[in-house]
Amino acid sequence: MKGRTIALDHLNGAEAAALMVDGQLQDLLIDSDLPRPGTIYRAIAERPMKGQGGVFLRSPDGPCYLRQIKGVSPGQALLVQVTGYAEPGKAIPVTPKILFKSRYAIVTPDAPGLNVSRSIKDEALRDRLLELAHDSMTGEGGLILRSSCAAAETDAIAEDIAAMADLAAQVMADASGDAETLVEGDGPHALAWREWTDPAEIDTASGSFETHGVLDALEALRSDTVPLGGGASMHVEPTRALVAVDVNTGGDTSPAAGLKANMAALRDLPRQLRLRGLGGQITIDPAPCPKKDRKQIEGVLRAALRADTVETVLVGWTPMGNLELQRKRDRIALTQVLP
C-alpha cells in the first residue's frame, strides 16, 4: 500500500500508535505502566551521589536520578521532567530543563528567545512566524516554532502557543510543596498527533492495526534476525550491558558482499532500533570489509541517523573493528510490552 497511514489502536488493552509508509512499519508507540517521558514532577531531593555530581530525588512514581547538579540540599523541592525510560532496577532519569511540547510549539521556560525551526528556509515565512510568536507568546521564557508550522493555519499555531504558554506558567509557578505529578507525559495517540506531522491517512477504528498490517510487522519484530536481501542478514540482540548488532553476508562470497551487507544493515538499523525500543550502548559487528570502506559505511549510517527521531551519537570504531553508538532510551523496549 502506497502512502502514509497513521493507525491509532490498542494492543493488549494498552494505547498504541503505528506509522506505516508505503506498507512498511516506520514507527511504533506503545503505552506501558511506567512513567512516560515528558512527565513533570515536583520532586524532593534526597541523598547526593558523591563523586558523580548527581542526586537522587523522591517522586510519586519512585526514585529519580538527576545528573550533574550543584547546590541542591536534601529536602529541597525541584521541578524536573522525565527524559526517558529507566533501565530495570534503576531510577527514573530526569532533567531540570523543562520543555512544554505541542504540535507546533515548544515553550522553553529556562531559555528566553523566540526561534523558528531551521528546517523552514523561506525567509518571508520565517518573518511571519516570528511576528506571530511575538503576538501570541505571553509571560516569560522562550519559544521554538516547529517545522510543522510551515503547512499550518495561523489560528492553529496561535492557539497552540497560547495553550503551551499558559501551561508553562501554571507549572513553573507551582514549585513548592511535597512530591507531586504536575503534568503527565503524552500517551501514544497524543504523541502521534504531536510528532507525525506529515500528511497521512488516519485510521482510528478498532482493529486498524490488523487492517494495515501492523500486527504482521510486530510478529516479525519478535525475531532477532532481520533479512537484508541476497542472503545477508542482521541480528539485533539486546543484552544486559548493550545491544549487539551482528551483520552477516550469508552465502554471498563476492568481493563486495561485506560492503553491500553493511550498507543495507546500517540504512535500516535506526528503524529497527526505534521499532524495538532499544537504546543505550549499541555495538555493531560489521561484515568483513576493507578499512578503506569505513568512511563510506559511516556516511550511510550518518544519513540514516539524520532521518531518525531518536537522539543518537556515533561514537566511532573500536580497535577490534566494531562500530559503537550511544542512543537515548526514550522508547520502552518492545519485549516489555508484548507478551
C-alpha atoms as a PDB file:
ATOM      1  CA  MET A   1       0.000   0.000   0.000  1.00  0.00           C
ATOM      2  CA  LYS A   2       1.465   3.350  -1.074  1.00  0.00           C
ATOM      3  CA  GLY A   3       1.387   6.484   1.052  1.00  0.00           C
ATOM      4  CA  ARG A   4       1.465   7.285   4.749  1.00  0.00           C
ATOM      5  CA  THR A   5      -1.030   5.857   7.233  1.00  0.00           C
ATOM      6  CA  ILE A   6      -1.297   6.503  10.957  1.00  0.00           C
ATOM      7  CA  ALA A   7      -3.161   3.749  12.799  1.00  0.00           C
ATOM      8  CA  LEU A   8      -4.411   4.534  16.320  1.00  0.00           C
ATOM      9  CA  ASP A   9      -5.420   1.345  18.120  1.00  0.00           C
ATOM     10  CA  HIS A  10      -4.773  -0.701  21.268  1.00  0.00           C
ATOM     11  CA  LEU A  11      -2.503  -3.698  21.966  1.00  0.00           C
ATOM     12  CA  ASN A  12      -3.442  -5.963  24.857  1.00  0.00           C
ATOM     13  CA  GLY A  13      -5.504  -3.126  26.310  1.00  0.00           C
ATOM     14  CA  ALA A  14      -2.692  -0.551  26.045  1.00  0.00           C
ATOM     15  CA  GLU A  15      -2.937   2.537  23.837  1.00  0.00           C
ATOM     16  CA  ALA A  16      -0.759   2.222  20.727  1.00  0.00           C
ATOM     17  CA  ALA A  17       0.018   4.118  17.522  1.00  0.00           C
ATOM     18  CA  ALA A  18       1.747   2.972  14.340  1.00  0.00           C
ATOM     19  CA  LEU A  19       3.093   4.855  11.328  1.00  0.00           C
ATOM     20  CA  MET A  20       3.059   2.899   8.064  1.00  0.00           C
ATOM     21  CA  VAL A  21       4.871   4.295   4.996  1.00  0.00           C
ATOM     22  CA  ASP A  22       4.353   2.503   1.681  1.00  0.00           C
ATOM     23  CA  GLY A  23       3.290  -0.610   3.541  1.00  0.00           C
ATOM     24  CA  GLN A  24       6.330  -0.689   5.854  1.00  0.00           C
ATOM     25  CA  LEU A  25       6.175  -0.028   9.600  1.00  0.00           C
ATOM     26  CA  GLN A  26       8.249   3.114  10.237  1.00  0.00           C
ATOM     27  CA  ASP A  27       7.428   3.991  13.815  1.00  0.00           C
ATOM     28  CA  LEU A  28       5.595   2.462  16.732  1.00  0.00           C
ATOM     29  CA  LEU A  29       4.446   3.820  20.101  1.00  0.00           C
ATOM     30  CA  ILE A  30       3.009   1.571  22.819  1.00  0.00           C
ATOM     31  CA  ASP A  31       1.921   2.701  26.276  1.00  0.00           C
ATOM     32  CA  SER A  32       3.055   0.989  29.470  1.00  0.00           C
ATOM     33  CA  ASP A  33       2.599   1.381  33.213  1.00  0.00           C
ATOM     34  CA  LEU A  34       6.000   3.107  33.505  1.00  0.00           C
ATOM     35  CA  PRO A  35       6.285   6.905  33.860  1.00  0.00           C
ATOM     36  CA  ARG A  36       6.087   8.453  30.398  1.00  0.00           C
ATOM     37  CA  PRO A  37       8.869  10.693  29.061  1.00  0.00           C
ATOM     38  CA  GLY A  38       7.723  14.303  29.351  1.00  0.00           C
ATOM     39  CA  THR A  39       6.088  13.798  32.744  1.00  0.00           C
ATOM     40  CA  ILE A  40       6.799  16.732  35.083  1.00  0.00           C
ATOM     41  CA  TYR A  41       7.264  16.207  38.819  1.00  0.00           C
ATOM     42  CA  ARG A  42       7.719  18.384  41.804  1.00  0.00           C
ATOM     43  CA  ALA A  43      10.328  16.094  43.362  1.00  0.00           C
ATOM     44  CA  ILE A  44      12.158  16.217  46.682  1.00  0.00           C
ATOM     45  CA  ALA A  45      15.952  15.969  46.846  1.00  0.00           C
ATOM     46  CA  GLU A  46      17.317  13.146  48.950  1.00  0.00           C
ATOM     47  CA  ARG A  47      20.882  11.857  49.048  1.00  0.00           C
ATOM     48  CA  PRO A  48      23.593  13.171  46.702  1.00  0.00           C
ATOM     49  CA  MET A  49      25.927  10.781  44.884  1.00  0.00           C
ATOM     50  CA  LYS A  50      29.378  11.911  45.960  1.00  0.00           C
ATOM     51  CA  GLY A  51      31.934  11.941  43.177  1.00  0.00           C
ATOM     52  CA  GLN A  52      29.277  11.664  40.446  1.00  0.00           C
ATOM     53  CA  GLY A  53      27.718  15.105  40.749  1.00  0.00           C
ATOM     54  CA  GLY A  54      24.192  13.687  40.811  1.00  0.00           C
ATOM     55  CA  VAL A  55      21.389  13.411  43.345  1.00  0.00           C
ATOM     56  CA  PHE A  56      18.516  11.034  43.991  1.00  0.00           C
ATOM     57  CA  LEU A  57      15.030  12.558  44.167  1.00  0.00           C
ATOM     58  CA  ARG A  58      11.751  11.306  45.584  1.00  0.00           C
ATOM     59  CA  SER A  59       8.754  11.399  43.230  1.00  0.00           C
ATOM     60  CA  PRO A  60       5.227   9.918  43.320  1.00  0.00           C
ATOM     61  CA  ASP A  61       6.398   7.223  40.882  1.00  0.00           C
ATOM     62  CA  GLY A  62       9.546   6.219  42.758  1.00  0.00           C
ATOM     63  CA  PRO A  63      13.187   7.343  42.934  1.00  0.00           C
ATOM     64  CA  CYS A  64      14.555   9.645  40.228  1.00  0.00           C
ATOM     65  CA  TYR A  65      18.148  10.428  39.368  1.00  0.00           C
ATOM     66  CA  LEU A  66      19.302  13.907  38.381  1.00  0.00           C
ATOM     67  CA  ARG A  67      22.775  14.141  36.830  1.00  0.00           C
ATOM     68  CA  GLN A  68      25.392  16.850  37.249  1.00  0.00           C
ATOM     69  CA  ILE A  69      23.575  19.180  39.592  1.00  0.00           C
ATOM     70  CA  LYS A  70      25.163  21.506  42.177  1.00  0.00           C
ATOM     71  CA  GLY A  71      23.767  23.471  45.060  1.00  0.00           C
ATOM     72  CA  VAL A  72      20.867  21.135  45.834  1.00  0.00           C
ATOM     73  CA  SER A  73      20.154  20.435  49.500  1.00  0.00           C
ATOM     74  CA  PRO A  74      18.376  17.369  50.908  1.00  0.00           C
ATOM     75  CA  GLY A  75      14.681  18.142  51.338  1.00  0.00           C
ATOM     76  CA  GLN A  76      14.661  20.805  48.604  1.00  0.00           C
ATOM     77  CA  ALA A  77      11.743  20.740  46.130  1.00  0.00           C
ATOM     78  CA  LEU A  78      12.691  20.759  42.437  1.00  0.00           C
ATOM     79  CA  LEU A  79      10.713  20.807  39.204  1.00  0.00           C
ATOM     80  CA  VAL A  80      12.031  18.066  36.926  1.00  0.00           C
ATOM     81  CA  GLN A  81      10.948  16.303  33.728  1.00  0.00           C
ATOM     82  CA  VAL A  82      11.292  12.635  32.801  1.00  0.00           C
ATOM     83  CA  THR A  83      13.706  12.269  29.876  1.00  0.00           C
ATOM     84  CA  GLY A  84      13.356   8.573  29.083  1.00  0.00           C
ATOM     85  CA  TYR A  85      12.578   5.112  30.378  1.00  0.00           C
ATOM     86  CA  ALA A  86      14.621   3.750  33.256  1.00  0.00           C
ATOM     87  CA  GLU A  87      16.546   0.528  32.871  1.00  0.00           C
ATOM     88  CA  PRO A  88      15.129  -2.288  35.022  1.00  0.00           C
ATOM     89  CA  GLY A  89      16.091  -1.735  38.656  1.00  0.00           C
ATOM     90  CA  LYS A  90      17.343   1.825  38.090  1.00  0.00           C
ATOM     91  CA  ALA A  91      15.954   5.258  38.973  1.00  0.00           C
ATOM     92  CA  ILE A  92      13.857   7.350  36.572  1.00  0.00           C
ATOM     93  CA  PRO A  93      16.113   9.720  34.567  1.00  0.00           C
ATOM     94  CA  VAL A  94      15.053  13.364  34.890  1.00  0.00           C
ATOM     95  CA  THR A  95      16.282  16.836  33.965  1.00  0.00           C
ATOM     96  CA  PRO A  96      15.640  20.306  35.452  1.00  0.00           C
ATOM     97  CA  LYS A  97      15.451  21.765  31.913  1.00  0.00           C
ATOM     98  CA  ILE A  98      11.709  21.528  31.336  1.00  0.00           C
ATOM     99  CA  LEU A  99      10.126  21.740  27.881  1.00  0.00           C
ATOM    100  CA  PHE A 100       6.431  22.090  27.035  1.00  0.00           C
ATOM    101  CA  LYS A 101       5.931  20.477  23.620  1.00  0.00           C
ATOM    102  CA  SER A 102       2.964  20.518  21.303  1.00  0.00           C
ATOM    103  CA  ARG A 103       2.369  20.015  17.583  1.00  0.00           C
ATOM    104  CA  TYR A 104       3.526  23.465  16.527  1.00  0.00           C
ATOM    105  CA  ALA A 105       5.311  24.985  19.516  1.00  0.00           C
ATOM    106  CA  ILE A 106       7.868  24.230  22.225  1.00  0.00           C
ATOM    107  CA  VAL A 107       7.887  26.583  25.215  1.00  0.00           C
ATOM    108  CA  THR A 108      11.264  26.781  26.984  1.00  0.00           C
ATOM    109  CA  PRO A 109      10.857  28.488  30.389  1.00  0.00           C
ATOM    110  CA  ASP A 110      14.600  28.494  31.131  1.00  0.00           C
ATOM    111  CA  ALA A 111      15.776  29.606  27.672  1.00  0.00           C
ATOM    112  CA  PRO A 112      14.432  33.031  26.639  1.00  0.00           C
ATOM    113  CA  GLY A 113      14.126  33.976  22.986  1.00  0.00           C
ATOM    114  CA  LEU A 114      11.805  33.365  20.040  1.00  0.00           C
ATOM    115  CA  ASN A 115      13.053  30.951  17.396  1.00  0.00           C
ATOM    116  CA  VAL A 116      11.834  29.188  14.258  1.00  0.00           C
ATOM    117  CA  SER A 117      12.913  25.697  13.184  1.00  0.00           C
ATOM    118  CA  ARG A 118      15.958  25.807  10.907  1.00  0.00           C
ATOM    119  CA  SER A 119      14.239  23.399   8.520  1.00  0.00           C
ATOM    120  CA  ILE A 120      11.937  26.270   7.483  1.00  0.00           C
ATOM    121  CA  LYS A 121      14.043  28.037   4.856  1.00  0.00           C
ATOM    122  CA  ASP A 122      11.538  30.535   3.399  1.00  0.00           C
ATOM    123  CA  GLU A 123      12.602  33.894   4.874  1.00  0.00           C
ATOM    124  CA  ALA A 124       9.190  35.507   4.357  1.00  0.00           C
ATOM    125  CA  LEU A 125       7.517  32.621   6.178  1.00  0.00           C
ATOM    126  CA  ARG A 126      10.082  32.796   8.981  1.00  0.00           C
ATOM    127  CA  ASP A 127       9.360  36.507   9.411  1.00  0.00           C
ATOM    128  CA  ARG A 128       5.593  35.868   9.552  1.00  0.00           C
ATOM    129  CA  LEU A 129       6.061  33.116  12.128  1.00  0.00           C
ATOM    130  CA  LEU A 130       8.311  35.293  14.295  1.00  0.00           C
ATOM    131  CA  GLU A 131       5.717  38.061  14.162  1.00  0.00           C
ATOM    132  CA  LEU A 132       3.058  35.559  15.193  1.00  0.00           C
ATOM    133  CA  ALA A 133       5.279  34.349  18.043  1.00  0.00           C
ATOM    134  CA  HIS A 134       5.711  37.922  19.335  1.00  0.00           C
ATOM    135  CA  ASP A 135       1.949  38.490  19.222  1.00  0.00           C
ATOM    136  CA  SER A 136       0.956  35.153  20.799  1.00  0.00           C
ATOM    137  CA  MET A 137       3.634  34.490  23.399  1.00  0.00           C
ATOM    138  CA  THR A 138       2.766  35.774  26.843  1.00  0.00           C
ATOM    139  CA  GLY A 139       4.809  35.711  30.028  1.00  0.00           C
ATOM    140  CA  GLU A 140       8.466  34.851  30.467  1.00  0.00           C
ATOM    141  CA  GLY A 141      10.521  32.130  28.846  1.00  0.00           C
ATOM    142  CA  GLY A 142      11.302  31.240  25.265  1.00  0.00           C
ATOM    143  CA  LEU A 143       9.541  29.680  22.311  1.00  0.00           C
ATOM    144  CA  ILE A 144      10.534  27.464  19.395  1.00  0.00           C
ATOM    145  CA  LEU A 145       8.163  27.163  16.439  1.00  0.00           C
ATOM    146  CA  ARG A 146       8.473  23.670  14.944  1.00  0.00           C
ATOM    147  CA  SER A 147       8.833  22.679  11.294  1.00  0.00           C
ATOM    148  CA  SER A 148       5.161  21.597  11.242  1.00  0.00           C
ATOM    149  CA  CYS A 149       4.228  25.312  11.305  1.00  0.00           C
ATOM    150  CA  ALA A 150       5.186  25.550   7.623  1.00  0.00           C
ATOM    151  CA  ALA A 151       1.886  23.993   6.485  1.00  0.00           C
ATOM    152  CA  ALA A 152      -0.322  25.043   9.405  1.00  0.00           C
ATOM    153  CA  GLU A 153      -3.053  27.656   9.737  1.00  0.00           C
ATOM    154  CA  THR A 154      -2.144  30.816  11.641  1.00  0.00           C
ATOM    155  CA  ASP A 155      -5.015  30.414  14.114  1.00  0.00           C
ATOM    156  CA  ALA A 156      -3.988  26.827  14.944  1.00  0.00           C
ATOM    157  CA  ILE A 157      -0.402  27.919  15.644  1.00  0.00           C
ATOM    158  CA  ALA A 158      -1.541  30.834  17.809  1.00  0.00           C
ATOM    159  CA  GLU A 159      -3.847  28.562  19.845  1.00  0.00           C
ATOM    160  CA  ASP A 160      -1.030  26.064  20.333  1.00  0.00           C
ATOM    161  CA  ILE A 161       1.372  28.766  21.534  1.00  0.00           C
ATOM    162  CA  ALA A 162      -1.204  30.182  23.975  1.00  0.00           C
ATOM    163  CA  ALA A 163      -2.051  26.752  25.396  1.00  0.00           C
ATOM    164  CA  MET A 164       1.588  25.799  25.968  1.00  0.00           C
ATOM    165  CA  ALA A 165       2.484  29.214  27.412  1.00  0.00           C
ATOM    166  CA  ASP A 166      -0.429  29.048  29.870  1.00  0.00           C
ATOM    167  CA  LEU A 167       0.520  25.505  30.930  1.00  0.00           C
ATOM    168  CA  ALA A 168       4.162  26.519  31.393  1.00  0.00           C
ATOM    169  CA  ALA A 169       3.204  29.494  33.552  1.00  0.00           C
ATOM    170  CA  GLN A 170       0.973  27.385  35.801  1.00  0.00           C
ATOM    171  CA  VAL A 171       3.535  24.608  36.259  1.00  0.00           C
ATOM    172  CA  MET A 172       6.578  26.810  36.816  1.00  0.00           C
ATOM    173  CA  ALA A 173       4.666  28.755  39.494  1.00  0.00           C
ATOM    174  CA  ASP A 174       3.921  25.529  41.397  1.00  0.00           C
ATOM    175  CA  ALA A 175       7.435  24.808  42.644  1.00  0.00           C
ATOM    176  CA  SER A 176       6.811  24.448  46.388  1.00  0.00           C
ATOM    177  CA  GLY A 177       5.246  21.582  48.276  1.00  0.00           C
ATOM    178  CA  ASP A 178       5.636  17.840  48.616  1.00  0.00           C
ATOM    179  CA  ALA A 179       6.387  15.401  45.786  1.00  0.00           C
ATOM    180  CA  GLU A 180       3.643  15.536  43.156  1.00  0.00           C
ATOM    181  CA  THR A 181       2.998  14.771  39.491  1.00  0.00           C
ATOM    182  CA  LEU A 182       2.226  18.119  37.853  1.00  0.00           C
ATOM    183  CA  VAL A 183       1.918  17.037  34.199  1.00  0.00           C
ATOM    184  CA  GLU A 184       1.518  13.551  32.741  1.00  0.00           C
ATOM    185  CA  GLY A 185       3.602  12.793  29.657  1.00  0.00           C
ATOM    186  CA  ASP A 186       1.733  12.332  26.375  1.00  0.00           C
ATOM    187  CA  GLY A 187       0.418   8.885  25.509  1.00  0.00           C
ATOM    188  CA  PRO A 188       0.915   7.213  22.091  1.00  0.00           C
ATOM    189  CA  HIS A 189      -2.122   8.808  20.408  1.00  0.00           C
ATOM    190  CA  ALA A 190      -1.178  12.312  21.572  1.00  0.00           C
ATOM    191  CA  LEU A 191       2.463  11.725  20.598  1.00  0.00           C
ATOM    192  CA  ALA A 192       1.400  10.584  17.126  1.00  0.00           C
ATOM    193  CA  TRP A 193      -0.561  13.816  16.671  1.00  0.00           C
ATOM    194  CA  ARG A 194       2.357  15.842  18.015  1.00  0.00           C
ATOM    195  CA  GLU A 195       5.271  14.213  16.197  1.00  0.00           C
ATOM    196  CA  TRP A 196       3.963  12.608  12.982  1.00  0.00           C
ATOM    197  CA  THR A 197       3.005  15.825  11.274  1.00  0.00           C
ATOM    198  CA  ASP A 198       3.479  14.977   7.579  1.00  0.00           C
ATOM    199  CA  PRO A 199       0.213  14.454   5.660  1.00  0.00           C
ATOM    200  CA  ALA A 200      -1.191  10.974   6.254  1.00  0.00           C
ATOM    201  CA  GLU A 201      -4.396   8.951   6.259  1.00  0.00           C
ATOM    202  CA  ILE A 202      -5.507   8.493   9.874  1.00  0.00           C
ATOM    203  CA  ASP A 203      -7.380   5.358  10.915  1.00  0.00           C
ATOM    204  CA  THR A 204      -8.790   5.394  14.455  1.00  0.00           C
ATOM    205  CA  ALA A 205     -11.033   2.336  14.066  1.00  0.00           C
ATOM    206  CA  SER A 206     -10.652  -0.592  16.418  1.00  0.00           C
ATOM    207  CA  GLY A 207      -8.721  -3.267  14.531  1.00  0.00           C
ATOM    208  CA  SER A 208      -6.778  -0.752  12.411  1.00  0.00           C
ATOM    209  CA  PHE A 209      -3.506  -2.496  13.310  1.00  0.00           C
ATOM    210  CA  GLU A 210      -4.731  -5.675  11.660  1.00  0.00           C
ATOM    211  CA  THR A 211      -6.182  -3.807   8.685  1.00  0.00           C
ATOM    212  CA  HIS A 212      -2.909  -2.075   7.845  1.00  0.00           C
ATOM    213  CA  GLY A 213      -0.505  -4.948   8.517  1.00  0.00           C
ATOM    214  CA  VAL A 214       0.887  -3.648  11.810  1.00  0.00           C
ATOM    215  CA  LEU A 215       0.303  -6.958  13.589  1.00  0.00           C
ATOM    216  CA  ASP A 216       2.280  -8.824  10.916  1.00  0.00           C
ATOM    217  CA  ALA A 217       5.151  -6.343  11.296  1.00  0.00           C
ATOM    218  CA  LEU A 218       5.089  -6.811  15.067  1.00  0.00           C
ATOM    219  CA  GLU A 219       5.314 -10.565  14.627  1.00  0.00           C
ATOM    220  CA  ALA A 220       8.451 -10.107  12.504  1.00  0.00           C
ATOM    221  CA  LEU A 221       9.969  -7.912  15.241  1.00  0.00           C
ATOM    222  CA  ARG A 222       9.783 -10.796  17.707  1.00  0.00           C
ATOM    223  CA  SER A 223      12.763 -12.305  15.880  1.00  0.00           C
ATOM    224  CA  ASP A 224      16.303 -11.020  16.409  1.00  0.00           C
ATOM    225  CA  THR A 225      17.066 -11.688  12.730  1.00  0.00           C
ATOM    226  CA  VAL A 226      16.450  -9.023  10.060  1.00  0.00           C
ATOM    227  CA  PRO A 227      16.724 -10.230   6.421  1.00  0.00           C
ATOM    228  CA  LEU A 228      18.673  -7.803   4.212  1.00  0.00           C
ATOM    229  CA  GLY A 229      18.230  -9.419   0.806  1.00  0.00           C
ATOM    230  CA  GLY A 230      20.615 -11.543  -1.202  1.00  0.00           C
ATOM    231  CA  GLY A 231      21.003 -13.956   1.708  1.00  0.00           C
ATOM    232  CA  ALA A 232      22.519 -11.307   4.010  1.00  0.00           C
ATOM    233  CA  SER A 233      21.089 -10.657   7.459  1.00  0.00           C
ATOM    234  CA  MET A 234      21.426  -8.537  10.567  1.00  0.00           C
ATOM    235  CA  HIS A 235      20.923  -9.833  14.115  1.00  0.00           C
ATOM    236  CA  VAL A 236      19.820  -7.282  16.733  1.00  0.00           C
ATOM    237  CA  GLU A 237      20.234  -8.791  20.201  1.00  0.00           C
ATOM    238  CA  PRO A 238      19.785  -6.793  23.438  1.00  0.00           C
ATOM    239  CA  THR A 239      21.916  -7.921  26.390  1.00  0.00           C
ATOM    240  CA  ARG A 240      22.081  -6.565  29.933  1.00  0.00           C
ATOM    241  CA  ALA A 241      25.070  -4.334  29.115  1.00  0.00           C
ATOM    242  CA  LEU A 242      24.480  -3.325  25.485  1.00  0.00           C
ATOM    243  CA  VAL A 243      22.685  -4.019  22.231  1.00  0.00           C
ATOM    244  CA  ALA A 244      24.762  -6.241  19.946  1.00  0.00           C
ATOM    245  CA  VAL A 245      24.258  -5.934  16.184  1.00  0.00           C
ATOM    246  CA  ASP A 246      25.864  -8.611  14.007  1.00  0.00           C
ATOM    247  CA  VAL A 247      25.918  -8.243  10.201  1.00  0.00           C
ATOM    248  CA  ASN A 248      26.390 -11.355   8.041  1.00  0.00           C
ATOM    249  CA  THR A 249      26.780 -11.790   4.288  1.00  0.00           C
ATOM    250  CA  GLY A 250      25.166 -15.224   4.172  1.00  0.00           C
ATOM    251  CA  GLY A 251      26.116 -17.283   1.145  1.00  0.00           C
ATOM    252  CA  ASP A 252      27.397 -14.325  -0.893  1.00  0.00           C
ATOM    253  CA  THR A 253      31.170 -14.709  -1.308  1.00  0.00           C
ATOM    254  CA  SER A 254      31.711 -11.925  -3.854  1.00  0.00           C
ATOM    255  CA  PRO A 255      34.376  -9.249  -3.084  1.00  0.00           C
ATOM    256  CA  ALA A 256      31.714  -6.581  -2.463  1.00  0.00           C
ATOM    257  CA  ALA A 257      29.474  -8.787  -0.294  1.00  0.00           C
ATOM    258  CA  GLY A 258      30.646  -7.283   3.015  1.00  0.00           C
ATOM    259  CA  LEU A 259      30.180  -3.685   1.907  1.00  0.00           C
ATOM    260  CA  LYS A 260      26.724  -4.383   0.439  1.00  0.00           C
ATOM    261  CA  ALA A 261      25.549  -6.153   3.593  1.00  0.00           C
ATOM    262  CA  ASN A 262      26.902  -3.424   5.888  1.00  0.00           C
ATOM    263  CA  MET A 263      25.300  -0.619   3.900  1.00  0.00           C
ATOM    264  CA  ALA A 264      21.923  -2.384   3.811  1.00  0.00           C
ATOM    265  CA  ALA A 265      22.110  -3.085   7.550  1.00  0.00           C
ATOM    266  CA  LEU A 266      23.056   0.451   8.574  1.00  0.00           C
ATOM    267  CA  ARG A 267      20.378   2.033   6.383  1.00  0.00           C
ATOM    268  CA  ASP A 268      17.762   0.034   8.267  1.00  0.00           C
ATOM    269  CA  LEU A 269      19.368  -0.030  11.727  1.00  0.00           C
ATOM    270  CA  PRO A 270      17.813   3.206  13.138  1.00  0.00           C
ATOM    271  CA  ARG A 271      14.342   1.968  12.151  1.00  0.00           C
ATOM    272  CA  GLN A 272      14.958  -1.429  13.723  1.00  0.00           C
ATOM    273  CA  LEU A 273      16.206   0.135  16.975  1.00  0.00           C
ATOM    274  CA  ARG A 274      13.282   2.575  17.018  1.00  0.00           C
ATOM    275  CA  LEU A 275      10.648  -0.120  16.481  1.00  0.00           C
ATOM    276  CA  ARG A 276      12.233  -2.442  19.051  1.00  0.00           C
ATOM    277  CA  GLY A 277      12.542   0.375  21.598  1.00  0.00           C
ATOM    278  CA  LEU A 278      16.265  -0.210  22.089  1.00  0.00           C
ATOM    279  CA  GLY A 279      18.731   2.363  23.387  1.00  0.00           C
ATOM    280  CA  GLY A 280      21.878   2.754  25.453  1.00  0.00           C
ATOM    281  CA  GLN A 281      25.172   1.430  24.105  1.00  0.00           C
ATOM    282  CA  ILE A 282      24.909  -0.123  20.639  1.00  0.00           C
ATOM    283  CA  THR A 283      27.845  -2.202  19.378  1.00  0.00           C
ATOM    284  CA  ILE A 284      27.863  -3.144  15.681  1.00  0.00           C
ATOM    285  CA  ASP A 285      29.987  -6.045  14.428  1.00  0.00           C
ATOM    286  CA  PRO A 286      30.010  -5.369  10.665  1.00  0.00           C
ATOM    287  CA  ALA A 287      30.504  -7.962   7.973  1.00  0.00           C
ATOM    288  CA  PRO A 288      34.162  -8.266   6.885  1.00  0.00           C
ATOM    289  CA  CYS A 289      35.221  -5.464   4.539  1.00  0.00           C
ATOM    290  CA  PRO A 290      38.403  -3.414   3.933  1.00  0.00           C
ATOM    291  CA  LYS A 291      39.235  -0.497   6.216  1.00  0.00           C
ATOM    292  CA  LYS A 292      39.074   1.817   3.216  1.00  0.00           C
ATOM    293  CA  ASP A 293      35.283   1.239   3.139  1.00  0.00           C
ATOM    294  CA  ARG A 294      34.752   2.552   6.659  1.00  0.00           C
ATOM    295  CA  LYS A 295      34.205   6.161   5.600  1.00  0.00           C
ATOM    296  CA  GLN A 296      31.516   5.082   3.133  1.00  0.00           C
ATOM    297  CA  ILE A 297      29.848   2.932   5.804  1.00  0.00           C
ATOM    298  CA  GLU A 298      29.899   5.826   8.268  1.00  0.00           C
ATOM    299  CA  GLY A 299      28.328   8.112   5.667  1.00  0.00           C
ATOM    300  CA  VAL A 300      25.415   5.709   5.152  1.00  0.00           C
ATOM    301  CA  LEU A 301      24.847   5.435   8.898  1.00  0.00           C
ATOM    302  CA  ARG A 302      25.045   9.194   9.476  1.00  0.00           C
ATOM    303  CA  ALA A 303      22.450   9.788   6.749  1.00  0.00           C
ATOM    304  CA  ALA A 304      20.138   7.203   8.321  1.00  0.00           C
ATOM    305  CA  LEU A 305      20.560   8.767  11.775  1.00  0.00           C
ATOM    306  CA  ARG A 306      19.751  12.258  10.458  1.00  0.00           C
ATOM    307  CA  ALA A 307      16.330  10.968   9.410  1.00  0.00           C
ATOM    308  CA  ASP A 308      15.776   9.285  12.793  1.00  0.00           C
ATOM    309  CA  THR A 309      13.772  10.867  15.605  1.00  0.00           C
ATOM    310  CA  VAL A 310      15.775   9.392  18.499  1.00  0.00           C
ATOM    311  CA  GLU A 311      18.922  11.204  19.642  1.00  0.00           C
ATOM    312  CA  THR A 312      21.915   9.013  18.740  1.00  0.00           C
ATOM    313  CA  VAL A 313      25.654   9.708  18.848  1.00  0.00           C
ATOM    314  CA  LEU A 314      28.051   7.878  16.521  1.00  0.00           C
ATOM    315  CA  VAL A 315      30.957   7.223  18.903  1.00  0.00           C
ATOM    316  CA  GLY A 316      33.325   5.614  16.380  1.00  0.00           C
ATOM    317  CA  TRP A 317      35.310   2.471  15.647  1.00  0.00           C
ATOM    318  CA  THR A 318      36.900   0.261  18.286  1.00  0.00           C
ATOM    319  CA  PRO A 319      40.389  -1.292  17.905  1.00  0.00           C
ATOM    320  CA  MET A 320      38.665  -4.605  17.109  1.00  0.00           C
ATOM    321  CA  GLY A 321      36.752  -3.063  14.199  1.00  0.00           C
ATOM    322  CA  ASN A 322      33.344  -2.683  15.831  1.00  0.00           C
ATOM    323  CA  LEU A 323      31.264   0.467  15.401  1.00  0.00           C
ATOM    324  CA  GLU A 324      29.724   1.985  18.542  1.00  0.00           C
ATOM    325  CA  LEU A 325      26.674   4.205  19.060  1.00  0.00           C
ATOM    326  CA  GLN A 326      25.149   5.814  22.148  1.00  0.00           C
ATOM    327  CA  ARG A 327      21.367   6.098  21.875  1.00  0.00           C
ATOM    328  CA  LYS A 328      18.820   7.803  24.106  1.00  0.00           C
ATOM    329  CA  ARG A 329      16.365   5.496  25.895  1.00  0.00           C
ATOM    330  CA  ASP A 330      13.167   7.344  25.025  1.00  0.00           C
ATOM    331  CA  ARG A 331      11.201   4.232  23.997  1.00  0.00           C
ATOM    332  CA  ILE A 332      10.030   1.279  26.035  1.00  0.00           C
ATOM    333  CA  ALA A 333      11.629  -1.990  24.895  1.00  0.00           C
ATOM    334  CA  LEU A 334       9.194  -3.968  22.755  1.00  0.00           C
ATOM    335  CA  THR A 335       9.930  -7.093  24.790  1.00  0.00           C
ATOM    336  CA  GLN A 336       8.497  -5.334  27.874  1.00  0.00           C
ATOM    337  CA  VAL A 337       5.119  -4.541  26.307  1.00  0.00           C
ATOM    338  CA  LEU A 338       4.468  -7.554  24.076  1.00  0.00           C
ATOM    339  CA  PRO A 339       3.600 -10.882  25.722  1.00  0.00           C
END
